[in-house]
Protein backbone atom coordinates (compact mmCIF):
# COMPACT_ATOMS: atom_id res chain seq x y z
CA MET A 1 72.20 133.84 111.58
CA PRO A 2 73.71 133.45 108.06
CA MET A 3 75.17 130.06 107.29
CA SER A 4 78.51 129.82 105.58
CA SER A 5 79.04 127.44 102.71
CA CYS A 6 80.24 124.01 103.82
CA ALA A 7 80.92 122.81 100.29
CA ALA A 8 83.98 120.59 100.12
CA GLY A 9 85.45 118.60 97.32
CA ILE A 10 85.38 114.83 97.22
CA PRO A 11 88.13 112.53 95.98
CA SER A 12 87.93 111.46 92.36
CA PHE A 13 86.66 107.97 91.52
CA ALA A 14 87.04 108.66 87.78
CA ASP A 15 87.99 105.48 85.87
CA GLY A 16 88.32 103.66 89.22
CA PHE A 17 85.78 100.92 88.56
CA ASP A 18 85.69 98.25 85.90
CA PHE A 19 82.16 96.87 85.85
CA CYS A 20 83.11 94.13 83.40
CA ALA A 21 86.14 92.93 85.34
CA PRO A 22 85.90 94.21 88.95
CA ASN A 23 89.12 94.60 90.91
CA VAL A 24 88.71 92.39 93.96
CA VAL A 25 91.35 91.34 96.46
CA PHE A 26 91.27 88.09 98.45
CA GLY A 27 93.22 86.69 101.35
CA GLU A 28 94.07 87.06 104.98
CA ILE A 29 97.08 88.91 106.35
CA GLU A 30 99.87 86.47 105.64
CA GLN A 31 102.96 88.36 106.78
CA VAL A 32 103.87 91.31 108.98
CA ILE A 33 107.08 93.29 109.04
CA VAL A 34 108.15 94.81 112.32
CA SER A 35 111.02 97.22 112.97
CA PRO A 36 112.00 99.53 115.84
CA LEU A 37 110.68 103.06 116.00
CA GLU A 38 114.19 104.39 115.45
CA THR A 39 117.80 103.27 115.34
CA GLU A 40 121.12 104.95 116.00
CA THR A 41 122.58 103.94 112.65
CA GLY A 42 119.87 104.99 110.20
CA ASN A 43 116.23 104.73 109.33
CA PRO A 44 114.33 101.64 110.54
CA TYR A 45 112.34 101.72 107.30
CA PRO A 46 113.34 101.31 103.63
CA ASN A 47 114.17 104.27 101.37
CA ASP A 48 111.56 102.90 98.97
CA TRP A 49 108.90 100.73 100.62
CA THR A 50 107.93 99.26 97.23
CA SER A 51 111.45 97.96 96.49
CA GLU A 52 112.42 94.42 97.44
CA ALA A 53 116.11 95.39 97.32
CA ASP A 54 115.54 98.17 99.87
CA TRP A 55 113.69 95.73 102.14
CA ASP A 56 116.56 93.21 101.77
CA ASP A 57 118.89 95.79 103.31
CA LEU A 58 116.70 95.87 106.44
CA LEU A 59 115.70 92.22 106.62
CA THR A 60 119.19 90.77 106.23
CA ALA A 61 122.21 91.58 108.37
CA PRO A 62 125.95 91.24 108.13
CA THR A 63 127.38 88.22 109.92
CA GLY A 64 127.29 88.57 113.69
CA THR A 65 124.57 91.23 113.77
CA ASP A 66 120.79 91.25 113.86
CA PRO A 67 118.63 92.63 111.03
CA VAL A 68 116.86 95.97 111.55
CA ALA A 69 113.44 94.53 110.61
CA TYR A 70 111.79 91.10 110.66
CA LEU A 71 109.34 89.53 108.23
CA ILE A 72 107.03 87.27 110.26
CA PRO A 73 104.65 84.69 108.72
CA VAL A 74 101.25 85.01 110.40
CA ARG A 75 97.55 84.39 109.97
CA GLY A 76 95.95 87.74 110.72
CA THR A 77 92.90 89.93 110.34
CA LEU A 78 92.37 93.64 110.21
CA ASP A 79 89.26 94.04 112.36
CA GLU A 80 86.70 96.76 111.74
CA PRO A 81 88.04 99.77 113.66
CA ASP A 82 86.36 101.26 116.69
CA ARG A 83 84.85 104.50 115.39
CA PRO A 84 84.13 106.96 118.17
CA GLU A 85 81.50 109.58 117.38
CA ILE A 86 81.13 112.84 119.26
CA GLU A 87 77.95 114.88 119.02
CA ALA A 88 78.38 118.63 119.26
CA SER A 89 76.24 121.74 119.01
CA MET A 90 74.00 122.41 116.04
CA TYR A 91 73.54 118.64 115.47
CA ARG A 92 77.09 118.28 114.20
CA LYS A 93 79.13 115.11 114.58
CA PHE A 94 82.89 114.79 114.91
CA TYR A 95 84.94 111.69 114.32
CA PRO A 96 88.21 111.42 116.22
CA PRO A 97 90.88 109.01 114.95
CA LYS A 98 89.70 105.42 114.59
CA ARG A 99 91.18 102.65 116.74
CA PHE A 100 92.52 99.91 114.48
CA ASN A 101 93.21 96.37 115.71
CA LEU A 102 95.20 93.72 113.88
CA PRO A 103 95.25 90.36 115.69
CA ALA A 104 97.72 87.88 114.21
CA ASN A 105 98.82 84.36 115.13
CA VAL A 106 102.32 82.97 114.73
CA ASP A 107 102.37 79.17 114.52
CA ASP A 108 105.99 78.50 113.55
CA LEU A 109 107.28 78.50 117.15
CA SER A 110 110.97 77.73 117.44
CA ASP A 111 112.49 78.71 120.80
CA VAL A 112 113.84 81.92 119.23
CA VAL A 113 110.44 82.88 117.84
CA TYR A 114 108.63 81.99 121.08
CA ASP A 115 110.99 84.14 123.15
CA ALA A 116 110.84 87.03 120.65
CA CYS A 117 107.01 86.95 120.73
CA ARG A 118 107.15 86.96 124.56
CA ASP A 119 109.34 90.05 124.45
CA MET A 120 106.96 91.91 122.11
CA VAL A 121 104.46 92.58 124.93
CA ASN A 122 104.07 96.27 125.89
CA ASN A 123 106.25 97.33 122.98
CA SER A 124 105.82 99.98 120.28
CA VAL A 125 107.09 99.18 116.77
CA ARG A 126 106.75 100.15 113.13
CA LEU A 127 104.46 97.75 111.26
CA TRP A 128 103.70 96.85 107.64
CA TYR A 129 101.38 94.01 106.71
CA ILE A 130 101.02 91.98 103.52
CA SER A 131 97.76 90.59 102.12
CA GLY A 132 96.34 89.84 98.70
CA GLY A 133 99.49 90.92 96.83
CA TYR A 134 99.63 94.30 98.58
CA ILE A 135 101.82 95.78 101.30
CA PHE A 136 100.11 98.17 103.70
CA GLY A 137 101.75 100.75 105.93
CA GLY A 138 103.19 103.54 103.81
CA PRO A 139 106.79 104.64 103.44
CA GLN A 140 107.56 104.75 107.19
CA GLY A 141 105.22 102.08 108.52
CA ILE A 142 102.46 102.36 111.08
CA VAL A 143 103.51 103.12 114.65
CA VAL A 144 101.65 100.51 116.69
CA ASP A 145 101.40 99.22 120.25
CA VAL A 146 101.88 95.46 120.69
CA ASP A 147 100.46 92.98 123.12
CA SER A 148 101.21 89.27 122.95
CA TRP A 149 100.30 85.98 124.61
CA PRO A 150 100.52 82.22 123.92
CA VAL A 151 97.41 80.30 122.87
CA ILE A 152 97.17 76.57 123.63
CA GLU A 153 93.79 75.04 122.88
CA GLU A 154 92.23 71.83 124.07
CA GLY A 155 92.71 68.77 121.88
CA GLU A 156 95.60 66.57 120.87
CA ASP A 157 95.52 67.97 117.32
CA SER A 158 95.55 71.60 118.39
CA MET A 159 98.53 73.63 117.30
CA HIS A 160 100.30 75.96 119.72
CA ARG A 161 100.26 79.59 118.57
CA TYR A 162 101.53 82.91 119.79
CA HIS A 163 99.06 85.75 119.44
CA LEU A 164 100.41 89.19 118.50
CA HIS A 165 97.92 92.04 118.82
CA PHE A 166 98.81 95.29 117.05
CA SER A 167 96.76 98.43 117.68
CA TRP A 168 96.95 102.05 116.57
CA ARG A 169 94.88 105.20 116.08
CA ALA A 170 94.53 106.95 112.73
CA ARG A 171 91.92 108.92 110.81
CA ARG A 172 92.26 106.74 107.70
CA ALA A 173 93.33 103.26 106.67
CA PRO A 174 97.08 102.92 105.92
CA GLN A 175 98.51 103.42 102.44
CA ARG A 176 98.93 100.38 100.25
CA ALA A 177 101.11 99.46 97.28
CA LEU A 178 101.81 96.34 95.28
CA SER A 179 103.87 94.05 97.49
CA PRO A 180 107.53 93.90 96.52
CA PHE A 181 107.69 90.36 97.92
CA SER A 182 106.88 87.25 95.92
CA PRO A 183 103.56 85.74 96.85
CA VAL A 184 103.68 83.15 99.56
CA GLU A 185 103.50 79.72 97.94
CA ALA A 186 101.42 77.18 99.78
CA THR A 187 103.19 73.92 100.59
CA PRO A 188 100.99 71.06 99.42
CA THR A 189 100.07 68.51 102.09
CA VAL A 190 99.55 64.86 101.42
């Protein structure tokens, strides 16, 4: 049986590495942006996801109304995705979409935030996340499923948190761009 050519191109890495000054990125996920999947009055995502002015239009609202999207300070992690592998005939392997998980903790728990986190359970939203000076999620965000629950640990010095768990399936990691938001400045403690 003649075999057909399976040659495929690969993406270019030309000029992508600087061996004298490597491009490394540090930091945890420090903020997430959530918005509804759709709205009746317009897009629930910015016209330009790299523009702070476009985000301001979604994150602020006229008096007496709620914003379309919310920027939430968190401590989060993008876990290694579950990578299913299917073996097929002729020793071939197929890789269906990966299952990505982003667990994040909210520790600034006013009554409004606590109730909003409670109401996120069993919800689907658009998500962008910010880490290391980058925003991830692409022009229209990542459509994710959300689970949530409170976490109260033992100890008088333990801080109450609300855990938000975002999950989605995709073949590849989300797009990233330089974050249009100023870096989060740490508040010094005495």
